[in-house]
Protein backbone atom coordinates (compact mmCIF):
# COMPACT_ATOMS: atom_id res chain seq x y z
CA UNK A 1 35.43 -53.33 -7.31
CA UNK A 2 32.31 -52.28 -9.27
CA UNK A 3 30.81 -55.78 -9.52
CA UNK A 4 29.64 -56.61 -6.03
CA UNK A 5 27.82 -59.74 -4.87
CA UNK A 6 24.05 -59.60 -4.53
CA UNK A 7 22.16 -61.63 -1.94
CA UNK A 8 20.93 -64.16 -4.49
CA UNK A 9 24.41 -64.61 -5.97
CA UNK A 10 25.90 -65.08 -2.49
CA UNK A 11 23.38 -67.83 -1.74
CA UNK A 12 24.16 -69.53 -5.05
CA UNK A 13 27.91 -69.44 -4.36
CA UNK A 14 27.36 -70.93 -0.90
CA UNK A 15 25.41 -73.82 -2.43
CA UNK A 16 28.09 -74.43 -5.08
CA UNK A 17 30.82 -74.37 -2.43
CA UNK A 18 28.98 -76.92 -0.26
CA UNK A 19 28.34 -79.24 -3.21
CA UNK A 20 31.87 -78.89 -4.62
CA UNK A 21 33.48 -79.76 -1.28
CA UNK A 22 30.97 -82.53 -0.37
CA UNK A 23 29.85 -80.70 2.76
CA UNK A 24 26.62 -81.82 4.46
CA UNK A 25 23.82 -79.32 3.92
CA UNK A 26 20.05 -78.95 3.73
CA UNK A 27 20.01 -76.39 0.94
CA UNK A 28 17.41 -76.31 -1.83
CA UNK A 29 18.79 -78.75 -4.41
CA UNK A 30 16.09 -77.93 -6.94
CA UNK A 31 16.82 -74.18 -6.99
CA UNK A 32 20.54 -74.71 -6.26
CA UNK A 33 20.65 -72.08 -3.58
CA UNK A 34 20.75 -71.80 0.20
CA UNK A 35 18.00 -70.29 2.32
CA UNK A 36 17.50 -67.04 4.18
CA UNK A 37 18.37 -68.63 7.50
CA UNK A 38 21.89 -69.49 6.32
CA UNK A 39 22.35 -65.99 4.90
CA UNK A 40 21.16 -64.41 8.14
CA UNK A 41 23.58 -66.56 10.12
CA UNK A 42 26.43 -65.78 7.70
CA UNK A 43 25.96 -62.04 8.21
CA UNK A 44 25.78 -62.54 11.97
CA UNK A 45 29.08 -64.45 11.94
CA UNK A 46 30.74 -61.72 9.86
CA UNK A 47 29.66 -58.36 11.32
CA UNK A 48 32.23 -56.54 9.16
CA UNK A 49 30.07 -57.30 6.11
CA UNK A 50 27.01 -55.12 5.52
CA UNK A 51 24.38 -54.80 2.82
CA UNK A 52 24.82 -51.53 0.92
CA UNK A 53 23.14 -49.96 -2.09
CA UNK A 54 26.00 -49.11 -4.51
CA UNK A 55 26.28 -45.71 -6.10
CA UNK A 56 25.74 -45.82 -9.85
CA UNK A 57 29.04 -45.03 -11.61
CA UNK A 58 29.17 -44.58 -15.36
CA UNK A 59 31.57 -46.64 -17.46
CA UNK A 60 33.36 -43.47 -18.58
CA UNK A 61 34.16 -42.61 -14.96
CA UNK A 62 35.36 -46.14 -14.21
CA UNK A 63 37.68 -46.22 -17.23
CA UNK A 64 38.96 -42.65 -16.82
CA UNK A 65 40.06 -43.17 -13.22
CA UNK A 66 43.41 -44.79 -14.02
CA UNK A 67 46.82 -44.46 -12.43
CA UNK A 68 48.43 -42.65 -15.38
CA UNK A 69 45.95 -39.77 -15.58
CA UNK A 70 45.64 -39.40 -11.83
CA UNK A 71 49.42 -39.27 -11.44
CA UNK A 72 49.58 -36.62 -14.14
CA UNK A 73 47.08 -34.53 -12.19
CA UNK A 74 49.12 -34.87 -9.00
CA UNK A 75 52.28 -34.02 -10.95
CA UNK A 76 50.66 -30.74 -11.99
CA UNK A 77 49.65 -30.00 -8.40
CA UNK A 78 53.12 -30.77 -7.11
CA UNK A 79 54.61 -28.49 -9.74
CA UNK A 80 52.46 -25.47 -8.84
CA UNK A 81 52.83 -26.11 -5.10
CA UNK A 82 56.61 -26.09 -5.41
CA UNK A 83 56.58 -23.00 -7.62
CA UNK A 84 54.06 -20.81 -5.77
CA UNK A 85 53.94 -22.26 -2.21
CA UNK A 86 50.15 -21.96 -1.92
CA UNK A 87 48.75 -21.99 1.63
CA UNK A 88 45.38 -23.63 2.32
CA UNK A 89 43.54 -20.29 2.27
CA UNK A 90 44.67 -19.68 -1.36
CA UNK A 91 43.61 -23.08 -2.78
CA UNK A 92 40.05 -23.22 -4.16
CA UNK A 93 37.81 -25.64 -6.00
CA UNK A 94 34.95 -24.42 -8.19
CA UNK A 95 32.17 -26.40 -9.84
CA UNK A 96 28.58 -26.07 -11.00
CA UNK A 97 25.56 -28.06 -9.91
CA UNK A 98 21.94 -28.03 -11.03
CA UNK A 99 18.87 -27.58 -8.83
CA UNK A 100 15.18 -27.64 -9.72
CA UNK A 101 11.77 -26.76 -8.35
CA UNK A 102 10.75 -30.41 -8.73
CA UNK A 103 12.42 -32.43 -5.97
CA UNK A 104 12.58 -36.13 -5.17
CA UNK A 105 10.10 -36.96 -2.34
CA UNK A 106 11.41 -38.54 0.85
CA UNK A 107 10.17 -41.77 2.41
CA UNK A 108 6.96 -41.61 4.45
CA UNK A 109 5.18 -43.97 6.84
CA UNK A 110 2.08 -45.64 5.39
CA UNK A 111 -0.21 -48.54 6.16
CA UNK A 112 1.09 -51.98 5.15
CA UNK A 113 -0.44 -53.44 2.00
CA UNK A 114 -0.99 -50.09 0.37
CA UNK A 115 0.28 -50.30 -3.21
CA UNK A 116 0.38 -46.66 -4.23
CA UNK A 117 1.73 -43.80 -2.15
CA UNK A 118 1.74 -40.28 -3.55
CA UNK A 119 3.62 -37.11 -2.68
CA UNK A 120 2.80 -33.74 -4.18
CA UNK A 121 5.49 -31.89 -6.16
CA UNK A 122 5.55 -28.66 -8.15
CA UNK A 123 5.36 -30.42 -11.51
CA UNK A 124 6.34 -33.40 -13.61
CA UNK A 125 9.67 -32.03 -14.77
CA UNK A 126 11.52 -29.05 -13.41
CA UNK A 127 13.64 -26.41 -15.07
CA UNK A 128 17.31 -26.56 -14.19
CA UNK A 129 18.93 -23.64 -12.42
CA UNK A 130 22.72 -23.72 -12.24
CA UNK A 131 24.54 -22.76 -9.05
CA UNK A 132 28.30 -22.12 -9.15
CA UNK A 133 29.94 -23.05 -5.86
CA UNK A 134 33.50 -22.53 -4.69
CA UNK A 135 35.29 -23.48 -1.47
CA UNK A 136 38.86 -23.36 -0.20
CA UNK A 137 41.13 -25.91 1.45
CA UNK A 138 40.85 -23.82 4.64
CA UNK A 139 37.06 -24.23 4.75
CA UNK A 140 36.05 -20.82 3.36
CA UNK A 141 33.18 -20.53 0.86
CA UNK A 142 32.77 -17.95 -1.90
CA UNK A 143 29.19 -16.62 -2.28
CA UNK A 144 27.42 -18.59 -5.04
CA UNK A 145 26.39 -17.55 -8.51
CA UNK A 146 22.87 -18.42 -9.75
CA UNK A 147 22.18 -18.91 -13.47
CA UNK A 148 18.48 -19.01 -14.38
CA UNK A 149 17.06 -20.27 -17.66
CA UNK A 150 15.50 -17.11 -19.04
CA UNK A 151 16.18 -14.19 -21.38
CA UNK A 152 16.14 -11.31 -18.87
CA UNK A 153 16.87 -10.97 -15.20
CA UNK A 154 14.23 -10.07 -12.65
CA UNK A 155 14.99 -8.59 -9.24
CA UNK A 156 12.41 -10.93 -7.69
CA UNK A 157 14.74 -13.87 -8.42
CA UNK A 158 17.16 -12.54 -5.79
CA UNK A 159 14.59 -12.58 -2.97
CA UNK A 160 16.11 -13.77 0.33
CA UNK A 161 19.04 -15.41 -1.43
CA UNK A 162 22.48 -16.11 0.06
CA UNK A 163 24.46 -13.10 1.23
CA UNK A 164 26.63 -11.50 -1.49
CA UNK A 165 25.45 -13.99 -4.13
CA UNK A 166 25.22 -12.86 -7.77
CA UNK A 167 22.43 -13.69 -10.21
CA UNK A 168 22.58 -14.12 -13.98
CA UNK A 169 20.57 -15.81 -16.73
CA UNK A 170 21.24 -17.76 -19.93
CA UNK A 171 19.11 -19.35 -22.63
CA UNK A 172 20.00 -22.88 -21.56
CA UNK A 173 20.23 -22.33 -17.81
CA UNK A 174 23.84 -23.54 -17.88
CA UNK A 175 27.07 -21.63 -17.56
CA UNK A 176 28.69 -20.11 -20.65
CA UNK A 177 32.14 -18.68 -21.39
CA UNK A 178 30.95 -15.13 -20.70
CA UNK A 179 29.22 -16.14 -17.48
CA UNK A 180 32.30 -17.97 -16.28
CA UNK A 181 34.31 -14.81 -16.89
CA UNK A 182 31.77 -12.90 -14.77
CA UNK A 183 32.17 -15.48 -12.03
CA UNK A 184 35.95 -15.07 -12.19
CA UNK A 185 35.53 -11.33 -11.63
CA UNK A 186 33.20 -12.04 -8.70
CA UNK A 187 35.73 -14.52 -7.30
CA UNK A 188 38.65 -12.12 -7.73
CA UNK A 189 36.79 -9.36 -5.91
CA UNK A 190 35.76 -11.58 -3.01
CA UNK A 191 39.13 -13.32 -2.54
CA UNK A 192 41.26 -10.21 -3.22
CA UNK A 193 43.50 -11.83 -5.82
CA UNK A 194 46.65 -10.11 -7.05
CA UNK A 195 49.82 -10.92 -8.93
CA UNK A 196 51.69 -10.66 -5.63
CA UNK A 197 49.46 -13.03 -3.62
CA UNK A 198 48.47 -15.69 -6.18
CA UNK A 199 45.53 -18.05 -5.80
CA UNK A 200 45.06 -21.59 -7.15
CA UNK A 201 41.71 -22.69 -8.61
CA UNK A 202 41.04 -26.38 -9.34
CA UNK A 203 38.21 -26.96 -11.80
CA UNK A 204 36.81 -29.33 -14.40
CA UNK A 205 38.21 -29.32 -17.91
CA UNK A 206 35.09 -27.91 -19.58
CA UNK A 207 35.02 -25.78 -22.72
CA UNK A 208 33.27 -22.93 -20.90
CA UNK A 209 36.29 -22.70 -18.59
CA UNK A 210 38.80 -22.52 -21.45
CA UNK A 211 38.06 -19.28 -23.28
CA UNK A 212 40.83 -16.89 -24.20
CA UNK A 213 39.12 -14.07 -22.29
CA UNK A 214 39.11 -16.11 -19.09
CA UNK A 215 42.74 -17.08 -19.59
CA UNK A 216 43.83 -13.47 -20.03
CA UNK A 217 41.88 -12.40 -16.96
CA UNK A 218 43.45 -15.15 -14.84
CA UNK A 219 46.93 -14.32 -16.05
CA UNK A 220 46.52 -10.60 -15.40
CA UNK A 221 45.06 -11.10 -11.91
CA UNK A 222 47.25 -13.85 -10.47
CA UNK A 223 44.88 -16.83 -10.77
CA UNK A 224 46.52 -20.19 -11.48
CA UNK A 225 44.24 -22.87 -12.93
CA UNK A 226 44.72 -26.63 -12.71
CA UNK A 227 42.05 -28.84 -14.25
CA UNK A 228 40.90 -32.31 -13.28
CA UNK A 229 41.24 -35.29 -15.63
CA UNK A 230 37.97 -35.94 -17.53
CA UNK A 231 35.38 -38.12 -15.76
CA UNK A 232 37.24 -38.18 -12.42
CA UNK A 233 35.40 -35.49 -10.48
CA UNK A 234 33.60 -38.13 -8.37
CA UNK A 235 36.96 -39.02 -6.77
CA UNK A 236 39.18 -35.95 -7.23
CA UNK A 237 36.87 -32.95 -6.87
CA UNK A 238 36.44 -31.77 -3.25
CA UNK A 239 32.98 -30.27 -3.86
CA UNK A 240 31.67 -33.55 -5.30
CA UNK A 241 33.21 -35.65 -2.54
CA UNK A 242 31.95 -33.81 0.56
CA UNK A 243 29.59 -30.97 -0.30
CA UNK A 244 27.15 -31.37 -3.20
CA UNK A 245 25.43 -34.50 -1.92
CA UNK A 246 24.64 -32.91 1.46
CA UNK A 247 23.59 -29.69 -0.24
CA UNK A 248 21.08 -31.36 -2.56
CA UNK A 249 19.65 -33.45 0.29
CA UNK A 250 19.17 -30.35 2.41
CA UNK A 251 17.67 -28.42 -0.53
CA UNK A 252 15.24 -31.27 -1.20
CA UNK A 253 14.12 -31.17 2.46
CA UNK A 254 13.54 -27.42 2.25
CA UNK A 255 11.42 -27.91 -0.87
CA UNK A 256 9.44 -30.65 0.85
CA UNK A 257 8.85 -28.43 3.89
CA UNK A 258 7.77 -25.54 1.65
CA UNK A 259 5.21 -27.72 -0.13
CA UNK A 260 3.78 -28.97 3.18
CA UNK A 261 3.43 -25.47 4.64
CA UNK A 262 1.98 -23.96 1.44
CA UNK A 263 -0.88 -26.28 0.52
CA UNK A 264 -1.71 -26.56 -3.21
CA UNK A 265 0.90 -23.94 -4.05
CA UNK A 266 3.78 -24.54 -6.45
CA UNK A 267 7.38 -23.66 -5.82
CA UNK A 268 7.96 -20.67 -8.05
CA UNK A 269 11.26 -19.78 -9.66
CA UNK A 270 11.38 -16.75 -7.33
CA UNK A 271 11.47 -19.16 -4.34
CA UNK A 272 14.61 -21.00 -5.46
CA UNK A 273 17.19 -18.59 -4.03
CA UNK A 274 15.46 -18.48 -0.63
CA UNK A 275 15.12 -22.27 -0.37
CA UNK A 276 18.71 -22.72 -1.47
CA UNK A 277 19.94 -20.17 1.10
CA UNK A 278 18.22 -22.08 3.92
CA UNK A 279 19.81 -25.37 2.85
CA UNK A 280 23.18 -23.76 2.18
CA UNK A 281 23.36 -22.02 5.57
CA UNK A 282 22.38 -25.22 7.36
CA UNK A 283 24.99 -27.59 5.90
CA UNK A 284 27.94 -25.31 5.11
CA UNK A 285 30.78 -25.90 7.55
CA UNK A 286 34.54 -25.53 7.73
CA UNK A 287 34.95 -29.28 8.17
CA UNK A 288 33.42 -29.97 4.74
CA UNK A 289 36.06 -27.83 3.08
CA UNK A 290 38.92 -29.38 5.05
CA UNK A 291 37.71 -32.95 4.48
CA UNK A 292 36.98 -32.34 0.79
CA UNK A 293 40.57 -31.44 -0.04
CA UNK A 294 41.99 -34.07 2.33
CA UNK A 295 39.86 -36.94 0.97
CA UNK A 296 40.92 -36.16 -2.59
CA UNK A 297 44.64 -35.96 -1.80
CA UNK A 298 44.90 -32.34 -2.96
CA UNK A 299 45.79 -30.64 0.31
CA UNK A 300 47.78 -31.91 2.01
CA UNK A 301 49.13 -33.40 -1.23
CA UNK A 302 48.85 -37.20 -1.05
CA UNK A 303 49.28 -38.98 -4.37
CA UNK A 304 49.17 -42.39 -2.62
CA UNK A 305 45.70 -41.82 -1.19
CA UNK A 306 44.10 -44.29 -3.61
CA UNK A 307 45.16 -47.93 -3.62
CA UNK A 308 45.97 -49.86 -6.78
CA UNK A 309 42.70 -51.78 -6.52
CA UNK A 310 40.77 -48.52 -6.98
CA UNK A 311 42.24 -47.84 -10.42
CA UNK A 312 41.07 -49.27 -13.71
CA UNK A 313 43.72 -49.78 -16.37
CA UNK A 314 41.91 -49.68 -19.70
CA UNK A 315 43.46 -49.08 -23.10
CA UNK A 316 41.85 -47.46 -26.11
CA UNK A 317 41.90 -50.83 -27.89
CA UNK A 318 39.83 -52.41 -25.15
CA UNK A 319 37.19 -49.69 -25.18
CA UNK A 320 36.90 -49.13 -28.94
CA UNK A 321 37.51 -52.57 -30.39
CA UNK A 322 40.11 -53.99 -32.75
CA UNK A 323 38.04 -53.45 -35.91
CA UNK A 324 36.92 -49.89 -35.18
CA UNK A 325 37.29 -47.38 -38.01
CA UNK A 326 37.85 -44.54 -35.56
CA UNK A 327 40.69 -46.39 -33.87
CA UNK A 328 42.32 -47.09 -37.26
CA UNK A 329 42.00 -43.45 -38.33
CA UNK A 330 43.34 -42.22 -35.01
CA UNK A 331 46.45 -44.33 -35.41
CA UNK A 332 47.07 -43.06 -38.95
CA UNK A 333 46.67 -39.33 -38.26
CA UNK A 334 49.23 -37.28 -36.39
CA UNK A 335 49.39 -33.91 -34.72
CA UNK A 336 51.66 -31.77 -36.90
CA UNK A 337 54.15 -29.34 -35.31
CA UNK A 338 52.98 -26.47 -37.50
CA UNK A 339 49.57 -26.65 -35.81
CA UNK A 340 51.04 -26.31 -32.31
CA UNK A 341 51.92 -23.34 -30.17
CA UNK A 342 54.42 -23.68 -27.35
CA UNK A 343 53.75 -22.29 -23.93
CA UNK A 344 56.95 -20.31 -23.75
CA UNK A 345 56.48 -18.69 -27.16
CA UNK A 346 54.44 -15.68 -28.17
CA UNK A 347 50.90 -16.16 -29.48
CA UNK A 348 50.85 -17.10 -33.15
CA UNK A 349 54.40 -18.45 -33.19
CA UNK A 350 55.66 -22.01 -33.33
CA UNK A 351 58.94 -23.68 -32.53
CA UNK A 352 60.36 -27.15 -32.96
CA UNK A 353 61.53 -27.59 -29.38
CA UNK A 354 60.38 -30.23 -26.92
CA UNK A 355 58.20 -27.79 -24.97
CA UNK A 356 54.58 -28.73 -24.23
CA UNK A 357 52.21 -27.66 -26.97
CA UNK A 358 48.52 -26.93 -27.48
CA UNK A 359 46.50 -26.47 -30.71
CA UNK A 360 46.43 -23.00 -32.21
CA UNK A 361 43.26 -20.99 -32.75
CA UNK A 362 43.26 -21.60 -36.51
CA UNK A 363 43.61 -25.33 -35.91
CA UNK A 364 40.57 -25.31 -33.63
CA UNK A 365 38.52 -23.27 -36.09
CA UNK A 366 39.27 -25.65 -38.92
CA UNK A 367 38.73 -28.98 -37.20
CA UNK A 368 37.33 -28.69 -33.71
CA UNK A 369 34.16 -27.47 -32.02
CA UNK A 370 36.08 -25.20 -29.70
CA UNK A 371 37.02 -21.96 -31.48
CA UNK A 372 39.46 -20.50 -28.97
CA UNK A 373 42.81 -21.78 -27.76
CA UNK A 374 42.84 -23.50 -24.37
CA UNK A 375 44.52 -22.22 -21.26
CA UNK A 376 48.21 -22.74 -20.74
CA UNK A 377 49.08 -25.91 -18.92
CA UNK A 378 51.90 -27.34 -16.89
CA UNK A 379 53.91 -29.94 -18.78
CA UNK A 380 50.96 -31.93 -20.14
CA UNK A 381 49.78 -32.95 -23.57
CA UNK A 382 46.36 -32.26 -25.13
CA UNK A 383 43.68 -34.85 -24.64
CA UNK A 384 40.95 -36.16 -26.91
CA UNK A 385 37.39 -37.06 -25.94
CA UNK A 386 35.23 -39.16 -28.28
CA UNK A 387 31.85 -38.63 -26.64
CA UNK A 388 29.75 -39.56 -29.70
CA UNK A 389 31.19 -43.08 -29.73
CA UNK A 390 31.25 -43.56 -25.95
CA UNK A 391 35.01 -43.84 -26.07
CA UNK A 392 37.48 -42.87 -23.39
CA UNK A 393 40.47 -41.83 -25.49
CA UNK A 394 42.57 -40.40 -22.73
CA UNK A 395 45.89 -41.47 -24.22
CA UNK A 396 45.40 -40.19 -27.78
CA UNK A 397 47.15 -37.01 -28.96
CA UNK A 398 45.15 -34.02 -30.12
CA UNK A 399 44.24 -34.88 -33.72
CA UNK A 400 41.78 -33.88 -36.44
CA UNK A 401 39.69 -36.68 -37.91
CA UNK A 402 40.10 -35.59 -41.52
CA UNK A 403 39.07 -38.93 -42.99
CA UNK A 404 36.02 -39.08 -40.74
CA UNK A 405 34.93 -35.63 -41.86
CA UNK A 406 35.43 -36.56 -45.52
CA UNK A 407 33.35 -39.68 -45.00
CA UNK A 408 30.49 -37.66 -43.45
CA UNK A 409 30.45 -34.36 -45.39
CA UNK A 410 26.89 -33.53 -44.31
CA UNK A 411 27.84 -33.11 -40.67
CA UNK A 412 28.80 -29.58 -39.75
CA UNK A 413 30.42 -30.59 -36.45
CA UNK A 414 33.22 -33.18 -36.18
CA UNK A 415 32.68 -36.18 -33.98
CA UNK A 416 35.67 -35.38 -31.84
CA UNK A 417 36.05 -32.60 -29.33
CA UNK A 418 39.51 -31.82 -28.06
CA UNK A 419 39.79 -30.80 -24.44
CA UNK A 420 43.33 -30.17 -23.22
CA UNK A 421 44.32 -31.62 -19.89
CA UNK A 422 46.14 -29.21 -17.62
């Protein structure tokens, strides 16, 4: 599926087929390929075939999109749908995206033979500003949250921004646990959440979304969270499927128009909110929300949306290698019951039942990067993510690499980061 035929490879295969079957031809025997005329005729005879530029998909995404993890995600959705009976207006998807003052120029018409074509931009490299977006399965959009990379907020950053949007700042320009909690409060106020009329939020399984403060707030205010499997947002996240691409294209056009109407003037950080608002108001529509949830099989729930040919079945052995030290250590270590807390028990207690479990706070502090317990989940096991070794370890239990840490005592952070899968 991810290894398509190029034009040159297609011409080579046509030559090999003609030679292997002793068919008469006038192909180039020296180069062992057919010509452009044959290729043009082949495409004319098969109008259902078109030349497309494929979208770059990382190996982690290809491996992570497997039937087992996707089915587990749909199992969680089916469980909460049966329990809470969520209507479309109470099902939301939230995600962050980055925008910059430096945009990618669009194509322009120039004289043939000209080798270099320039387009003016605000700079060589831009500073990332995070925008938190949220939309519902009924096509409603929650006002965005802007996160600027700076120490203090300035009222000028809010100039002509989207209606009811909120503005914050962080040292990195990315969302943090505290900022995500602020967004939850903004979301709860806008959507009117309550413990009587619950709301479902589907989000990525990121550490900033898994703080204890956020969990307590969601539990007290009737917000149910279900997270996506790691590296599958390109197929399972409604915002990624139908909204973000159009939004960034529209934002890039607004930046290009701004540069053309303001000669020799840079796009300042105070212009970002206004340019974003113009793009956002132009492309936001109810159909994008409806199609986003439909094309991901979330609402209406359709676990058979993706065919078997779209899944990649990869094991840990295939991605790590038979002689890998990490694989050997992972098989030797185990997740002990005394380091687990069961969802039906009180915080700080442990039982020996068959209930789903997650690592305790002390376990995280001792071995993991994350220092707070994850959110409660629905009948799923913790997951492990070996980013430093480019490993997709989706089927490993939550473990602490004690031997790895002993082998590398100078490292203050372990090589493994546990992210539970809800």
